[in-house]
Every structure is written in C-alpha cells, then in structure tokens.
Amino acid sequence: MQMAQQILFVLLSAAAIWLFVKNAGKIVRNIRLGRSLDLSDHPGERMRNMLLLAFGQKKMFRNPMVGVLHFFVYAGFVIINIEVLEIVLDGIFGTHRLFAPMLGGFYNFLINSFEILAVLVIVACVIFLVRRNIIKLRRFTSHDLDGWPRSDANYILITEIVLMTFFLTLNASDTLLQAKGVEHYAEHSTGNFVFSQYLQPVLSGLSVNALIAVERGCWWLHIIGIFAFLNYLPYSKHLHIVLAFPNAWFSKLVPKGKMDNMPAIQNEVLYAMQPELAPAGGEAPPKFGAKDVQDLTWKNMLDAFSCTECGRCSAACPATITGKKLSPRKIMMDTRDRAEEIGKNIDTNGSFQDDGRSLLHDYITVEELRACTTCNACVQECPVSINPLDIILQLRRYLVMEESNAPAEWTGMFGNIENNFAPWKFSPDERDKWTQEL
C-alpha cells in the first residue's frame, strides 16, 4: 500500500511539473512576441528595485492595513510552502516528517511559525473576500473585471483558505495519531503545535482508521491543491507571484516623465530637409508606433503578463475617475488577451497567420487612447512597476503617424509647431508683440 502511494505521488508530481513547464514555455513565447530591448544596465539599481518592490512590497504599504494583510498572504503562502519540500520527500521515500529528527526542537519552532502564518493567511483572505464581494470597493466593481477576472480573484482567495485549512487539519490529525502511538506516525513524535491543537477536540472522537483517513486525505488534498494551484497560475492574474520579480528588475530607471523618442522620426525629418543623406536603395521607413503586440517591446509584454488586476492604476487615473472610457488596467488586460490570442494562433498553425485583427481598434479603441493625459499616475501607483502609459503612447503614435488619425485640435497644433515652432498660431516675429503694449 505504501509503495503504491509512493509511485502514485511520483507520477502525479512528474505530470504536474511537466504541465507547468509546458504552459510556462508558452508564456515565455508570448512575452517574446515583442520587439527586443536592452535592459541590462545598472544591475545594482535594478536589484534594489526588485528587493524593495517585489520582495518588500514597498508600494503596498502606502495603505498600511492593506499592505500588512497582503504581506501575510504573500509571505505566508510562500514560506508555508517551504514545507512542501518535506511533503515531497515524504511522498517519494514513504517517510513521516523527515526533517523532524534532523532539526530537533527547531523543527517545532518552524511548524509553529507556519501555523501562525497559516491562520494569518486565512484571516487576510477572508478580509479580502469581504472587501471584494460585500463592501465592494469601487476598483473591484468596474466593468473591465466583468466575467472571469472577477471570479479568478475569488477562486484564488478561497483556494488559499482551503489549503491552509488542510495544513492545520493535517497537523491536528497527525499529532493525535502520534499521541495514540500508531505505527509510522509515532516514529517521530513532535508533540502538539500552536494552532492545530485546538482542532484536536473535533477529531478526538474518531477511530484510528478514521484519523488515518483524515490525515492521509488532508495530506493528499494539500499537495494536490498546491500542484493544481501551480498549474492554474499560467491562466490566472496570480501569475504575478512569479513575474513580479523580473518585472521589478527590468522596470524603467529614467524619470517617469521622460518619454522615449524615436530616432527614425528625427531621421525622416532630416532626410526631408537633406535628401542627399537618405540611405540608398529607397528603403521604406520603419513603422512608427505600435499597432499590434508584435510592435511593442518584450518589456511591454512582460508588464501585461505581470498585471495583478488590482485596479490601483485605474483608481488613480483622472480619465477613469471622470468617467471616460480609458482604464489603464483594461489596457494591460487587453494586451495580454491579444498576446494569448496570437499564441493560440501559432499553436494551431505552426506560425502566426494573419487573422485580420490587431491590438489597436479590435481591443483598444481610439477613444480610450485619446482620454489619456500622460500624467503617469498609473505608473506611480502600480505595485509591481507596470507601465500602461508606454503602451498607450506607442499605440497613439501609430494612430497619428501611420493612420493620420488625430483630432482637429491636435492637427492644428501640429501645423503650428511645424510652421511657427510653437503650439500657437503666431509667427516667431510677432511672438513678442505683447511686450510693446506694456
């Protein structure tokens, strides 16, 4: 029986890991749909960003209560799953609490710490569920979360509560079996733990066989739940648990207000004024801006797949606040959805076959793009250094420079800048006329 469990565990582990690696490869492929971009400079500053933003949750603590609760969920879930190493080794070798004799009293300290974190995770997840579904904070009720995105968040919170409950029940039934001197469990007696001991009265009336069934059931459901969660990540916004770290590392280091210029645009102006400098062969100029995800950079794609859908960007956006159609969160969700659509196209056809669709127009509308004030509020508020504005600017650049699609007010301003070197309709010679009237 024990050998059969070990074989089943090894097969389950191998299948879960293989499936995760396969899906992770598709995500990497989708991120690499974007253009190349060198972000290898200033490794020290990038390490600092990753430690402060991804590990330290720096921006989350602007709201101390939410920051602390999120830290409980983040730290608790990650640290508690260190115990998964012991579960995996016990599953492979058929042992019971393999690390207990090696670590001695420190082992009990670790499990007690894990139990405290497990309870904190449960409390934090319950509060987050209340905030989303009962209090209904505005950023969680907007229409860009309708359907799967709203359900996704609830599923994850409920799953974390269930996994932590399995962990505590596993410890309670395990320590009861140790106390009863049951073979296999009594080999390494740990004594009771800080929180699971309070679940023992609920289980104490069960027979030994029933207790073993509870312990084995919780053990299997806990590890199956972790494997299921692992393979759910590629389909969920909670992929940010993994991608927040590289995204913080590769975040923009220049001041937020600095926009990236295109040397190609400057060259086009230069060639118009001095045609003799244009390259021979009559090469067509490169595309200006971005129409689809392949025109964006791989960092834009990493941003899209790192999005937590928390809505802090949209909650701070003046366009969203004043009722305009723009939502920075939706910009990121649409970019990710389009990348996944292209990925499925590649999986089906072997290479991308034109589907007559694009990120611009089919996913993100002109109305959304024109509503942006380029204030950088969305960039400032994102806890994992996502930059929706960079995508907006590239799409808007394509609209203006490739499609000549700009409001009349913008067109007039462009003409004034071209002819008068200023946004106003005054010639340079008359610009100081107002001083003569003083």
Foldseek 3Di string as FASTA:
>chain_A
DLVVQLVVLVVVVVVLVVLLVVLVVLLLVLLQLAAADDQPPDQVVLVVLLCCQVVVLPLQCVPVVRSVLVCLQLVLVVLLCVCVVVLSVCSNPVADSVCCVVCPPVVLVSLLVSLVSLVSLLVSLVVVCCCCPPVNDVLNPDPLCPDPNNVQSNVVSVLSNLLSVLSLLLQLLLQLCCVVVPPRSVPRHDHHHDPSVVVNVVVVVDDNVVSVVSNVVSSVCNVVSVSVVSSCLSVHLVVLSVLLNVLSSSFDDPDLLDDDDDVLVVVVVVCVVPVVPDDPDPDDGDQAFDWANSHHHSSLSSLLSNHNSPQQLQVQFPLNVVPFPAGLSQLSPLNNVRSVVQSVCCVVVVHGDDPVDHSEPVRDDPSRLVSHPSPCSSQVNDSSRRGSVNNSVRNVRNCCPVVVHDDPLVVQQVVCCVQQVGSDPDHPVCPCVVVVVD
